[in-house]
N, C-alpha and C. Protein backbone atom coordinates (compact mmCIF):
# COMPACT_ATOMS: atom_id res chain seq x y z
N MET A 1 151.01 103.12 124.74
CA MET A 1 151.07 104.40 124.05
C MET A 1 152.31 104.46 123.17
N LYS A 2 152.12 104.92 121.95
CA LYS A 2 153.22 105.02 120.99
C LYS A 2 154.16 106.17 121.38
N TYR A 3 155.44 105.98 121.06
CA TYR A 3 156.40 107.07 121.28
C TYR A 3 156.20 108.14 120.21
N ILE A 4 156.34 109.41 120.62
CA ILE A 4 156.43 110.49 119.63
C ILE A 4 157.91 110.84 119.51
N THR A 5 158.40 110.85 118.29
CA THR A 5 159.83 111.03 118.06
C THR A 5 160.14 112.41 117.47
N PHE A 6 161.13 113.06 118.07
CA PHE A 6 161.60 114.37 117.60
C PHE A 6 162.94 114.21 116.89
N ALA A 7 163.09 114.83 115.72
CA ALA A 7 164.40 114.94 115.06
C ALA A 7 164.84 116.39 115.18
N LEU A 8 165.98 116.61 115.81
CA LEU A 8 166.46 117.98 116.03
C LEU A 8 167.75 118.22 115.26
N ALA A 9 167.86 119.39 114.64
CA ALA A 9 169.09 119.76 113.94
C ALA A 9 170.21 119.93 114.97
N LYS A 10 171.31 119.22 114.76
CA LYS A 10 172.44 119.24 115.70
C LYS A 10 172.92 120.66 116.01
N GLY A 11 173.45 120.83 117.23
CA GLY A 11 174.08 122.10 117.59
C GLY A 11 173.15 123.05 118.31
N ARG A 12 173.27 124.33 117.95
CA ARG A 12 172.57 125.39 118.68
C ARG A 12 171.05 125.24 118.62
N LEU A 13 170.53 124.84 117.44
CA LEU A 13 169.08 124.70 117.32
C LEU A 13 168.54 123.64 118.26
N ALA A 14 169.27 122.52 118.38
CA ALA A 14 168.84 121.44 119.29
C ALA A 14 168.85 121.93 120.74
N ARG A 15 169.91 122.65 121.11
CA ARG A 15 170.01 123.16 122.50
C ARG A 15 168.88 124.12 122.81
N LYS A 16 168.63 125.04 121.89
CA LYS A 16 167.56 126.03 122.11
C LYS A 16 166.19 125.35 122.16
N THR A 17 166.00 124.32 121.33
CA THR A 17 164.72 123.59 121.31
C THR A 17 164.48 122.91 122.64
N MET A 18 165.53 122.25 123.16
CA MET A 18 165.39 121.55 124.44
C MET A 18 165.11 122.54 125.58
N GLU A 19 165.73 123.72 125.53
CA GLU A 19 165.46 124.76 126.55
C GLU A 19 163.99 125.17 126.49
N LEU A 20 163.48 125.28 125.28
CA LEU A 20 162.08 125.66 125.08
C LEU A 20 161.14 124.56 125.58
N LEU A 21 161.47 123.31 125.24
CA LEU A 21 160.63 122.18 125.66
C LEU A 21 160.62 122.03 127.18
N GLU A 22 161.76 122.35 127.81
CA GLU A 22 161.83 122.26 129.28
C GLU A 22 160.86 123.24 129.94
N GLN A 23 160.61 124.36 129.25
CA GLN A 23 159.67 125.35 129.80
C GLN A 23 158.24 124.82 129.85
N ILE A 24 157.95 123.77 129.03
CA ILE A 24 156.60 123.19 129.08
C ILE A 24 156.63 121.79 129.73
N GLY A 25 157.72 121.53 130.47
CA GLY A 25 157.79 120.28 131.23
C GLY A 25 158.27 119.07 130.48
N ILE A 26 158.87 119.27 129.31
CA ILE A 26 159.42 118.14 128.55
C ILE A 26 160.94 118.14 128.72
N PHE A 27 161.43 117.12 129.43
CA PHE A 27 162.87 117.03 129.72
C PHE A 27 163.45 115.77 129.08
N CYS A 28 164.76 115.81 128.83
CA CYS A 28 165.44 114.58 128.43
C CYS A 28 166.86 114.67 128.97
N GLU A 29 167.04 114.17 130.20
CA GLU A 29 168.32 114.30 130.91
C GLU A 29 169.47 113.63 130.15
N GLU A 30 169.18 112.52 129.47
CA GLU A 30 170.23 111.79 128.74
C GLU A 30 170.96 112.67 127.73
N MET A 31 170.24 113.63 127.17
CA MET A 31 170.83 114.47 126.12
C MET A 31 171.86 115.45 126.67
N LYS A 32 171.84 115.64 127.98
CA LYS A 32 172.76 116.62 128.58
C LYS A 32 174.16 116.06 128.79
N ASP A 33 174.31 114.76 128.65
CA ASP A 33 175.62 114.12 128.81
C ASP A 33 176.40 114.30 127.50
N GLU A 34 177.37 115.21 127.52
CA GLU A 34 178.11 115.53 126.29
C GLU A 34 179.03 114.41 125.83
N LYS A 35 179.33 113.47 126.74
CA LYS A 35 180.25 112.38 126.36
C LYS A 35 179.51 111.17 125.80
N THR A 36 178.19 111.21 125.83
CA THR A 36 177.41 110.05 125.41
C THR A 36 177.60 109.71 123.93
N ARG A 37 177.55 108.42 123.66
CA ARG A 37 177.65 107.95 122.26
C ARG A 37 176.26 107.53 121.75
N LYS A 38 175.28 107.72 122.59
CA LYS A 38 173.92 107.30 122.21
C LYS A 38 173.40 108.10 121.02
N LEU A 39 172.58 107.44 120.23
CA LEU A 39 171.98 108.12 119.08
C LEU A 39 170.52 108.48 119.33
N ILE A 40 169.85 107.68 120.16
CA ILE A 40 168.44 107.93 120.48
C ILE A 40 168.30 108.17 121.97
N PHE A 41 167.59 109.22 122.33
CA PHE A 41 167.40 109.58 123.74
C PHE A 41 165.91 109.45 124.07
N VAL A 42 165.62 108.89 125.24
CA VAL A 42 164.23 108.55 125.56
C VAL A 42 163.77 109.17 126.87
N ASN A 43 162.53 109.67 126.86
CA ASN A 43 161.85 110.03 128.09
C ASN A 43 160.71 109.02 128.23
N GLU A 44 160.95 107.99 129.06
CA GLU A 44 159.98 106.88 129.20
C GLU A 44 158.65 107.35 129.76
N GLU A 45 158.73 108.27 130.70
CA GLU A 45 157.53 108.75 131.40
C GLU A 45 156.54 109.40 130.43
N LEU A 46 157.08 110.24 129.54
CA LEU A 46 156.21 110.96 128.60
C LEU A 46 156.08 110.24 127.26
N LYS A 47 156.77 109.11 127.12
CA LYS A 47 156.78 108.34 125.86
C LYS A 47 157.23 109.22 124.68
N LEU A 48 158.42 109.83 124.88
CA LEU A 48 159.01 110.66 123.84
C LEU A 48 160.41 110.17 123.51
N LYS A 49 160.78 110.25 122.24
CA LYS A 49 162.15 109.93 121.82
C LYS A 49 162.72 111.14 121.10
N PHE A 50 164.03 111.29 121.20
CA PHE A 50 164.71 112.41 120.53
C PHE A 50 165.95 111.87 119.83
N PHE A 51 166.26 112.42 118.66
CA PHE A 51 167.58 112.15 118.08
C PHE A 51 168.08 113.39 117.36
N LEU A 52 169.41 113.47 117.24
CA LEU A 52 170.05 114.62 116.60
C LEU A 52 170.45 114.22 115.19
N ALA A 53 170.23 115.10 114.25
CA ALA A 53 170.57 114.80 112.86
C ALA A 53 171.17 116.03 112.20
N LYS A 54 171.85 115.80 111.09
CA LYS A 54 172.35 116.91 110.29
C LYS A 54 171.13 117.70 109.82
N ALA A 55 171.21 119.02 109.86
CA ALA A 55 170.04 119.86 109.54
C ALA A 55 169.36 119.44 108.23
N SER A 56 170.16 119.22 107.18
CA SER A 56 169.57 118.91 105.88
C SER A 56 168.83 117.57 105.86
N ASP A 57 169.09 116.71 106.86
CA ASP A 57 168.41 115.41 106.92
C ASP A 57 167.10 115.45 107.71
N VAL A 58 166.93 116.48 108.53
CA VAL A 58 165.73 116.53 109.40
C VAL A 58 164.42 116.46 108.59
N PRO A 59 164.25 117.28 107.52
CA PRO A 59 163.00 117.18 106.77
C PRO A 59 162.77 115.79 106.16
N THR A 60 163.85 115.10 105.81
CA THR A 60 163.73 113.75 105.23
C THR A 60 163.20 112.78 106.28
N TYR A 61 163.77 112.82 107.49
CA TYR A 61 163.28 111.94 108.57
C TYR A 61 161.80 112.19 108.85
N VAL A 62 161.41 113.46 108.80
CA VAL A 62 160.01 113.81 109.11
C VAL A 62 159.09 113.38 107.96
N GLU A 63 159.48 113.65 106.72
CA GLU A 63 158.61 113.29 105.60
C GLU A 63 158.32 111.78 105.58
N TYR A 64 159.35 110.98 105.85
CA TYR A 64 159.20 109.53 105.77
C TYR A 64 158.68 108.89 107.06
N GLY A 65 158.41 109.72 108.07
CA GLY A 65 157.80 109.21 109.29
C GLY A 65 158.76 108.57 110.28
N ALA A 66 160.07 108.68 110.02
CA ALA A 66 161.05 108.17 111.00
C ALA A 66 161.05 109.09 112.22
N ALA A 67 160.63 110.34 112.02
CA ALA A 67 160.39 111.27 113.13
C ALA A 67 159.00 111.86 112.94
N ASP A 68 158.30 112.07 114.04
CA ASP A 68 156.97 112.68 113.96
C ASP A 68 157.07 114.20 113.87
N ILE A 69 158.04 114.73 114.62
CA ILE A 69 158.22 116.18 114.72
C ILE A 69 159.69 116.50 114.44
N GLY A 70 159.94 117.59 113.75
CA GLY A 70 161.32 118.03 113.50
C GLY A 70 161.46 119.50 113.82
N VAL A 71 162.68 119.88 114.19
CA VAL A 71 162.98 121.32 114.36
C VAL A 71 164.22 121.63 113.53
N VAL A 72 164.06 122.59 112.61
CA VAL A 72 165.15 122.92 111.68
C VAL A 72 164.91 124.32 111.14
N GLY A 73 165.94 124.93 110.58
CA GLY A 73 165.82 126.28 110.03
C GLY A 73 164.95 126.32 108.78
N ARG A 74 164.31 127.46 108.58
CA ARG A 74 163.44 127.62 107.40
C ARG A 74 164.25 127.48 106.10
N ASP A 75 165.52 127.88 106.15
CA ASP A 75 166.38 127.76 104.97
C ASP A 75 166.46 126.30 104.50
N THR A 76 166.60 125.38 105.47
CA THR A 76 166.70 123.96 105.14
C THR A 76 165.37 123.43 104.60
N ILE A 77 164.26 123.88 105.20
CA ILE A 77 162.94 123.43 104.76
C ILE A 77 162.72 123.85 103.30
N LEU A 78 163.05 125.11 102.98
CA LEU A 78 162.88 125.62 101.62
C LEU A 78 163.77 124.86 100.64
N GLU A 79 165.00 124.61 101.05
CA GLU A 79 165.96 123.95 100.15
C GLU A 79 165.58 122.50 99.88
N GLU A 80 165.14 121.81 100.92
CA GLU A 80 164.86 120.37 100.79
C GLU A 80 163.52 120.10 100.10
N GLY A 81 162.56 121.02 100.26
CA GLY A 81 161.28 120.89 99.58
C GLY A 81 160.54 119.59 99.86
N ARG A 82 160.54 119.15 101.10
CA ARG A 82 159.89 117.89 101.46
C ARG A 82 158.40 118.08 101.75
N LYS A 83 157.65 116.95 101.72
CA LYS A 83 156.21 117.01 102.03
C LYS A 83 156.03 116.87 103.54
N LEU A 84 155.70 117.97 104.19
CA LEU A 84 155.47 117.97 105.64
C LEU A 84 154.69 119.22 106.01
N TYR A 85 154.19 119.24 107.23
CA TYR A 85 153.48 120.42 107.70
C TYR A 85 154.44 121.30 108.50
N GLU A 86 154.52 122.57 108.10
CA GLU A 86 155.28 123.53 108.91
C GLU A 86 154.27 124.15 109.88
N VAL A 87 154.39 123.82 111.16
CA VAL A 87 153.32 124.19 112.10
C VAL A 87 153.64 125.41 112.96
N MET A 88 154.93 125.77 113.04
CA MET A 88 155.25 126.80 114.01
C MET A 88 156.60 127.47 113.77
N ASP A 89 156.61 128.79 113.93
CA ASP A 89 157.86 129.56 113.91
C ASP A 89 158.33 129.68 115.36
N LEU A 90 159.49 129.09 115.65
CA LEU A 90 159.98 129.10 117.04
C LEU A 90 160.70 130.40 117.40
N GLY A 91 161.00 131.21 116.39
CA GLY A 91 161.50 132.56 116.65
C GLY A 91 162.99 132.71 116.92
N PHE A 92 163.71 131.59 117.14
CA PHE A 92 165.16 131.73 117.38
C PHE A 92 165.93 131.29 116.13
N GLY A 93 167.26 131.44 116.19
CA GLY A 93 168.10 131.09 115.04
C GLY A 93 167.86 132.03 113.87
N LYS A 94 167.58 133.29 114.20
CA LYS A 94 167.20 134.26 113.17
C LYS A 94 168.38 134.64 112.27
N CYS A 95 168.15 134.60 110.97
CA CYS A 95 169.17 135.02 110.00
C CYS A 95 168.44 135.36 108.70
N ARG A 96 169.20 135.81 107.70
CA ARG A 96 168.59 136.18 106.42
C ARG A 96 169.26 135.40 105.29
N MET A 97 168.48 135.01 104.31
CA MET A 97 169.04 134.41 103.10
C MET A 97 169.26 135.55 102.12
N CYS A 98 170.49 135.73 101.66
CA CYS A 98 170.80 136.91 100.85
C CYS A 98 171.65 136.58 99.63
N VAL A 99 171.56 137.48 98.66
CA VAL A 99 172.51 137.46 97.54
C VAL A 99 173.64 138.39 97.96
N CYS A 100 174.86 137.89 97.95
CA CYS A 100 176.01 138.69 98.41
C CYS A 100 177.12 138.68 97.35
N GLY A 101 177.97 139.66 97.44
CA GLY A 101 179.09 139.74 96.51
C GLY A 101 179.79 141.07 96.67
N PRO A 102 180.77 141.36 95.81
CA PRO A 102 181.41 142.67 95.86
C PRO A 102 180.41 143.73 95.39
N ALA A 103 180.62 144.96 95.82
CA ALA A 103 179.69 146.05 95.45
C ALA A 103 179.54 146.17 93.93
N SER A 104 180.61 145.85 93.21
CA SER A 104 180.58 145.97 91.73
C SER A 104 179.58 145.02 91.08
N ALA A 105 179.18 143.96 91.80
CA ALA A 105 178.24 142.97 91.22
C ALA A 105 176.81 143.48 91.19
N LYS A 106 176.55 144.60 91.89
CA LYS A 106 175.20 145.18 91.91
C LYS A 106 174.67 145.42 90.50
N GLU A 107 175.55 145.96 89.66
CA GLU A 107 175.18 146.27 88.27
C GLU A 107 174.68 145.03 87.53
N LEU A 108 175.38 143.92 87.74
CA LEU A 108 175.03 142.67 87.04
C LEU A 108 173.64 142.19 87.44
N LEU A 109 173.26 142.48 88.70
CA LEU A 109 171.94 142.08 89.18
C LEU A 109 170.87 143.01 88.62
N ASN A 110 171.21 144.27 88.48
CA ASN A 110 170.23 145.24 87.95
C ASN A 110 169.95 145.02 86.46
N HIS A 111 171.00 144.65 85.73
CA HIS A 111 170.85 144.52 84.27
C HIS A 111 170.45 143.12 83.84
N LYS A 112 170.22 142.25 84.85
CA LYS A 112 169.77 140.87 84.57
C LYS A 112 170.70 140.13 83.59
N GLU A 113 172.00 140.33 83.76
CA GLU A 113 172.96 139.63 82.90
C GLU A 113 173.08 138.17 83.32
N LEU A 114 173.59 137.33 82.43
CA LEU A 114 173.84 135.93 82.77
C LEU A 114 175.06 135.90 83.70
N ILE A 115 174.86 135.43 84.90
CA ILE A 115 175.97 135.38 85.87
C ILE A 115 176.06 134.00 86.51
N ARG A 116 177.20 133.76 87.15
CA ARG A 116 177.36 132.52 87.90
C ARG A 116 177.09 132.79 89.38
N VAL A 117 176.32 131.89 89.98
CA VAL A 117 175.93 132.03 91.38
C VAL A 117 176.39 130.78 92.13
N ALA A 118 177.16 130.97 93.18
CA ALA A 118 177.61 129.83 94.00
C ALA A 118 176.80 129.79 95.29
N SER A 119 176.41 128.60 95.73
CA SER A 119 175.60 128.51 96.94
C SER A 119 175.56 127.10 97.50
N LYS A 120 175.34 127.02 98.83
CA LYS A 120 175.02 125.74 99.47
C LYS A 120 173.53 125.46 99.28
N TYR A 121 172.80 126.47 98.81
CA TYR A 121 171.34 126.38 98.67
C TYR A 121 170.94 126.59 97.21
N PRO A 122 171.33 125.68 96.31
CA PRO A 122 171.02 125.91 94.89
C PRO A 122 169.53 125.97 94.59
N GLY A 123 168.73 125.23 95.35
CA GLY A 123 167.28 125.23 95.14
C GLY A 123 166.68 126.61 95.40
N ILE A 124 167.03 127.18 96.55
CA ILE A 124 166.53 128.51 96.92
C ILE A 124 167.05 129.56 95.94
N ALA A 125 168.34 129.47 95.60
CA ALA A 125 168.97 130.45 94.70
C ALA A 125 168.31 130.42 93.32
N LYS A 126 168.14 129.20 92.80
CA LYS A 126 167.55 129.04 91.47
C LYS A 126 166.12 129.60 91.45
N ASP A 127 165.35 129.26 92.48
CA ASP A 127 163.97 129.71 92.57
C ASP A 127 163.89 131.24 92.59
N TYR A 128 164.80 131.86 93.37
CA TYR A 128 164.80 133.32 93.49
C TYR A 128 165.15 133.98 92.15
N PHE A 129 166.22 133.51 91.53
CA PHE A 129 166.66 134.15 90.28
C PHE A 129 165.68 133.89 89.14
N TYR A 130 165.15 132.68 89.05
CA TYR A 130 164.27 132.34 87.93
C TYR A 130 162.86 132.91 88.10
N HIS A 131 162.30 132.78 89.33
CA HIS A 131 160.89 133.14 89.50
C HIS A 131 160.65 134.53 90.08
N THR A 132 161.60 135.05 90.85
CA THR A 132 161.41 136.39 91.42
C THR A 132 162.09 137.45 90.55
N LYS A 133 163.34 137.17 90.16
CA LYS A 133 164.09 138.17 89.38
C LYS A 133 163.99 137.96 87.86
N HIS A 134 163.56 136.76 87.47
CA HIS A 134 163.51 136.41 86.04
C HIS A 134 164.87 136.66 85.37
N GLN A 135 165.89 136.16 86.04
CA GLN A 135 167.26 136.30 85.53
C GLN A 135 167.87 134.91 85.37
N THR A 136 168.45 134.65 84.22
CA THR A 136 169.07 133.34 83.97
C THR A 136 170.46 133.32 84.61
N VAL A 137 170.73 132.26 85.36
CA VAL A 137 172.02 132.14 86.04
C VAL A 137 172.59 130.75 85.87
N GLU A 138 173.88 130.65 86.01
CA GLU A 138 174.54 129.35 86.05
C GLU A 138 174.80 129.03 87.53
N MET A 139 174.21 127.94 88.03
CA MET A 139 174.32 127.60 89.45
C MET A 139 175.54 126.73 89.70
N ILE A 140 176.27 127.04 90.76
CA ILE A 140 177.40 126.21 91.20
C ILE A 140 177.16 125.85 92.66
N LYS A 141 177.03 124.55 92.95
CA LYS A 141 176.79 124.12 94.34
C LYS A 141 178.13 123.96 95.05
N LEU A 142 178.22 124.59 96.20
CA LEU A 142 179.41 124.45 97.05
C LEU A 142 178.98 123.93 98.42
N ASN A 143 179.89 123.26 99.12
CA ASN A 143 179.57 122.75 100.45
C ASN A 143 180.33 123.48 101.55
N GLY A 144 181.41 124.15 101.20
CA GLY A 144 182.23 124.83 102.21
C GLY A 144 181.98 126.31 102.27
N SER A 145 183.05 127.08 102.52
CA SER A 145 182.93 128.55 102.64
C SER A 145 182.61 129.17 101.29
N VAL A 146 181.36 129.51 101.10
CA VAL A 146 180.95 130.07 99.79
C VAL A 146 181.52 131.46 99.55
N GLU A 147 181.91 132.15 100.63
CA GLU A 147 182.47 133.51 100.47
C GLU A 147 183.69 133.51 99.56
N LEU A 148 184.36 132.37 99.49
CA LEU A 148 185.56 132.26 98.64
C LEU A 148 185.24 132.45 97.16
N ALA A 149 184.05 131.99 96.75
CA ALA A 149 183.73 131.92 95.32
C ALA A 149 183.92 133.24 94.55
N PRO A 150 183.32 134.35 95.03
CA PRO A 150 183.53 135.59 94.27
C PRO A 150 184.95 136.15 94.40
N ILE A 151 185.60 135.80 95.51
CA ILE A 151 186.96 136.32 95.74
C ILE A 151 187.95 135.69 94.76
N VAL A 152 187.78 134.39 94.49
CA VAL A 152 188.73 133.71 93.58
C VAL A 152 188.21 133.66 92.14
N GLY A 153 187.04 134.29 91.90
CA GLY A 153 186.54 134.38 90.53
C GLY A 153 185.74 133.18 90.06
N LEU A 154 185.30 132.33 90.99
CA LEU A 154 184.47 131.18 90.61
C LEU A 154 183.06 131.64 90.23
N SER A 155 182.56 132.66 90.94
CA SER A 155 181.22 133.17 90.64
C SER A 155 181.19 134.68 90.84
N GLU A 156 180.17 135.30 90.27
CA GLU A 156 180.01 136.75 90.46
C GLU A 156 179.41 137.05 91.84
N VAL A 157 178.42 136.23 92.21
CA VAL A 157 177.75 136.42 93.51
C VAL A 157 177.53 135.07 94.19
N ILE A 158 177.11 135.14 95.46
CA ILE A 158 176.77 133.93 96.20
C ILE A 158 175.37 134.12 96.81
N VAL A 159 174.73 133.02 97.14
CA VAL A 159 173.49 133.07 97.92
C VAL A 159 173.78 132.31 99.20
N ASP A 160 173.64 133.00 100.33
CA ASP A 160 174.01 132.36 101.60
C ASP A 160 173.24 132.97 102.76
N ILE A 161 173.36 132.29 103.89
CA ILE A 161 172.76 132.74 105.14
C ILE A 161 173.64 133.84 105.72
N VAL A 162 173.02 134.93 106.16
CA VAL A 162 173.77 136.03 106.79
C VAL A 162 173.20 136.27 108.18
N GLU A 163 174.08 136.23 109.19
CA GLU A 163 173.63 136.55 110.56
C GLU A 163 174.06 137.97 110.91
N THR A 164 175.37 138.18 111.03
CA THR A 164 175.85 139.52 111.39
C THR A 164 176.46 140.25 110.19
N GLY A 165 176.93 139.49 109.21
CA GLY A 165 177.56 140.11 108.04
C GLY A 165 179.04 140.39 108.21
N SER A 166 179.60 140.02 109.38
CA SER A 166 181.01 140.35 109.65
C SER A 166 181.97 139.57 108.73
N THR A 167 181.65 138.30 108.43
CA THR A 167 182.51 137.51 107.52
C THR A 167 182.54 138.15 106.14
N LEU A 168 181.37 138.62 105.71
CA LEU A 168 181.29 139.28 104.40
C LEU A 168 182.19 140.52 104.38
N ARG A 169 181.99 141.37 105.41
CA ARG A 169 182.74 142.63 105.46
C ARG A 169 184.25 142.40 105.49
N GLU A 170 184.66 141.41 106.27
CA GLU A 170 186.11 141.12 106.38
C GLU A 170 186.70 140.69 105.05
N ASN A 171 185.85 140.21 104.15
CA ASN A 171 186.35 139.71 102.86
C ASN A 171 185.93 140.59 101.69
N GLY A 172 185.54 141.82 102.00
CA GLY A 172 185.23 142.79 100.95
C GLY A 172 183.93 142.52 100.21
N LEU A 173 183.03 141.80 100.87
CA LEU A 173 181.73 141.48 100.25
C LEU A 173 180.62 142.17 101.03
N GLU A 174 179.43 142.24 100.43
CA GLU A 174 178.30 142.86 101.12
C GLU A 174 176.99 142.20 100.67
N VAL A 175 175.93 142.47 101.44
CA VAL A 175 174.61 141.98 101.05
C VAL A 175 174.12 142.86 99.91
N LEU A 176 173.76 142.23 98.79
CA LEU A 176 173.28 142.97 97.63
C LEU A 176 171.75 142.94 97.54
N GLU A 177 171.16 141.80 97.89
CA GLU A 177 169.70 141.65 97.88
C GLU A 177 169.30 140.65 98.96
N GLU A 178 168.15 140.89 99.57
CA GLU A 178 167.66 139.94 100.58
C GLU A 178 166.57 139.07 99.97
N ILE A 179 166.69 137.76 100.17
CA ILE A 179 165.70 136.83 99.61
C ILE A 179 164.57 136.58 100.61
N CYS A 180 164.94 136.19 101.83
CA CYS A 180 163.90 135.95 102.85
C CYS A 180 164.55 135.88 104.24
N GLU A 181 163.71 135.99 105.24
CA GLU A 181 164.16 135.83 106.62
C GLU A 181 164.00 134.38 107.03
N CYS A 182 164.91 133.87 107.82
CA CYS A 182 164.85 132.47 108.25
C CYS A 182 164.95 132.37 109.76
N THR A 183 164.10 131.53 110.34
CA THR A 183 164.18 131.22 111.77
C THR A 183 163.96 129.71 111.92
N ALA A 184 164.10 129.22 113.14
CA ALA A 184 163.85 127.80 113.40
C ALA A 184 162.36 127.52 113.31
N ARG A 185 161.99 126.44 112.65
CA ARG A 185 160.58 126.07 112.49
C ARG A 185 160.34 124.66 113.02
N MET A 186 159.12 124.44 113.47
CA MET A 186 158.71 123.10 113.86
C MET A 186 157.91 122.51 112.70
N VAL A 187 158.30 121.31 112.28
CA VAL A 187 157.60 120.63 111.19
C VAL A 187 157.06 119.29 111.69
N VAL A 188 155.96 118.83 111.10
CA VAL A 188 155.31 117.61 111.57
C VAL A 188 155.00 116.71 110.38
N ASN A 189 155.18 115.41 110.57
CA ASN A 189 154.83 114.42 109.56
C ASN A 189 153.31 114.44 109.33
N GLU A 190 152.90 114.35 108.07
CA GLU A 190 151.47 114.49 107.74
C GLU A 190 150.62 113.39 108.38
N VAL A 191 151.11 112.15 108.37
CA VAL A 191 150.35 111.03 108.95
C VAL A 191 150.33 111.14 110.47
N SER A 192 151.48 111.50 111.05
CA SER A 192 151.57 111.62 112.51
C SER A 192 150.57 112.61 113.06
N LEU A 193 150.36 113.72 112.31
CA LEU A 193 149.45 114.75 112.79
C LEU A 193 148.01 114.21 112.86
N LYS A 194 147.69 113.28 111.98
CA LYS A 194 146.36 112.66 112.02
C LYS A 194 146.29 111.62 113.14
N MET A 195 147.31 110.73 113.20
CA MET A 195 147.29 109.60 114.13
C MET A 195 147.47 110.02 115.59
N GLU A 196 148.36 111.03 115.81
CA GLU A 196 148.66 111.46 117.18
C GLU A 196 148.24 112.92 117.36
N HIS A 197 147.09 113.25 116.76
CA HIS A 197 146.65 114.65 116.68
C HIS A 197 146.61 115.34 118.04
N ASP A 198 145.99 114.69 119.03
CA ASP A 198 145.81 115.34 120.33
C ASP A 198 147.14 115.61 121.02
N ARG A 199 148.02 114.63 121.02
CA ARG A 199 149.31 114.80 121.72
C ARG A 199 150.19 115.85 121.04
N ILE A 200 150.23 115.80 119.72
CA ILE A 200 151.08 116.75 118.99
C ILE A 200 150.51 118.17 119.10
N THR A 201 149.19 118.28 118.97
CA THR A 201 148.55 119.60 119.09
C THR A 201 148.76 120.18 120.48
N ASP A 202 148.73 119.32 121.48
CA ASP A 202 148.95 119.77 122.87
C ASP A 202 150.35 120.37 123.03
N ILE A 203 151.36 119.69 122.45
CA ILE A 203 152.75 120.21 122.51
C ILE A 203 152.83 121.57 121.81
N ILE A 204 152.22 121.67 120.64
CA ILE A 204 152.27 122.94 119.87
C ILE A 204 151.58 124.06 120.64
N THR A 205 150.40 123.76 121.22
CA THR A 205 149.64 124.78 121.95
C THR A 205 150.44 125.29 123.14
N ARG A 206 151.04 124.36 123.90
CA ARG A 206 151.82 124.77 125.08
C ARG A 206 153.06 125.56 124.70
N LEU A 207 153.68 125.19 123.61
CA LEU A 207 154.85 125.94 123.14
C LEU A 207 154.46 127.35 122.74
N LYS A 208 153.33 127.48 122.07
CA LYS A 208 152.87 128.82 121.66
C LYS A 208 152.67 129.73 122.86
N GLU A 209 152.24 129.15 123.98
CA GLU A 209 152.03 129.95 125.18
C GLU A 209 153.35 130.50 125.75
N VAL A 210 154.43 129.70 125.67
CA VAL A 210 155.70 130.19 126.23
C VAL A 210 156.45 131.08 125.25
N ILE A 211 156.15 130.93 123.96
CA ILE A 211 156.81 131.80 122.97
C ILE A 211 156.10 133.14 122.93
């Protein structure tokens, strides 16, 4: 029997996914050892493999078949735009993708002026401004704390993930517009779903029962 391989986004999403899988009898004790240097974790009995990856890489591993199943936030799926099946909303890791900035930037959004937008998610930001708002923007991709951008004058607004909004408030920024809600999603490789249809569908069905 072939192994079914899971790619999980490192950190909280991976922990929550494993807690969920344990509820349907899928365990991987090796992953609980925090000191381990291992990259691939195996459950020989169930013929399952697991590995942890940077969130933005999970859709790539799944599209190319290096992983059969992936768990990652919807924000990453939208940004990466990979060819895969999104089969399930796991319901945790809830946050919102928003346009944020100082209150004064509201006017610029209403009047559809040419503005600069900084984001870790240029794909999502561009799509929202061009296709939903029909507003021309200059995109600036950042990898670190995007909240800095409007404060130091790099951009008028930012597009970012918002959970509680406390970082925004502490820095004199606010949510100006909401783009979409994001939660953790399960994605499946297109070929894997055909080749291992019964086993993968069984995992999805059992997960739906506990969710």
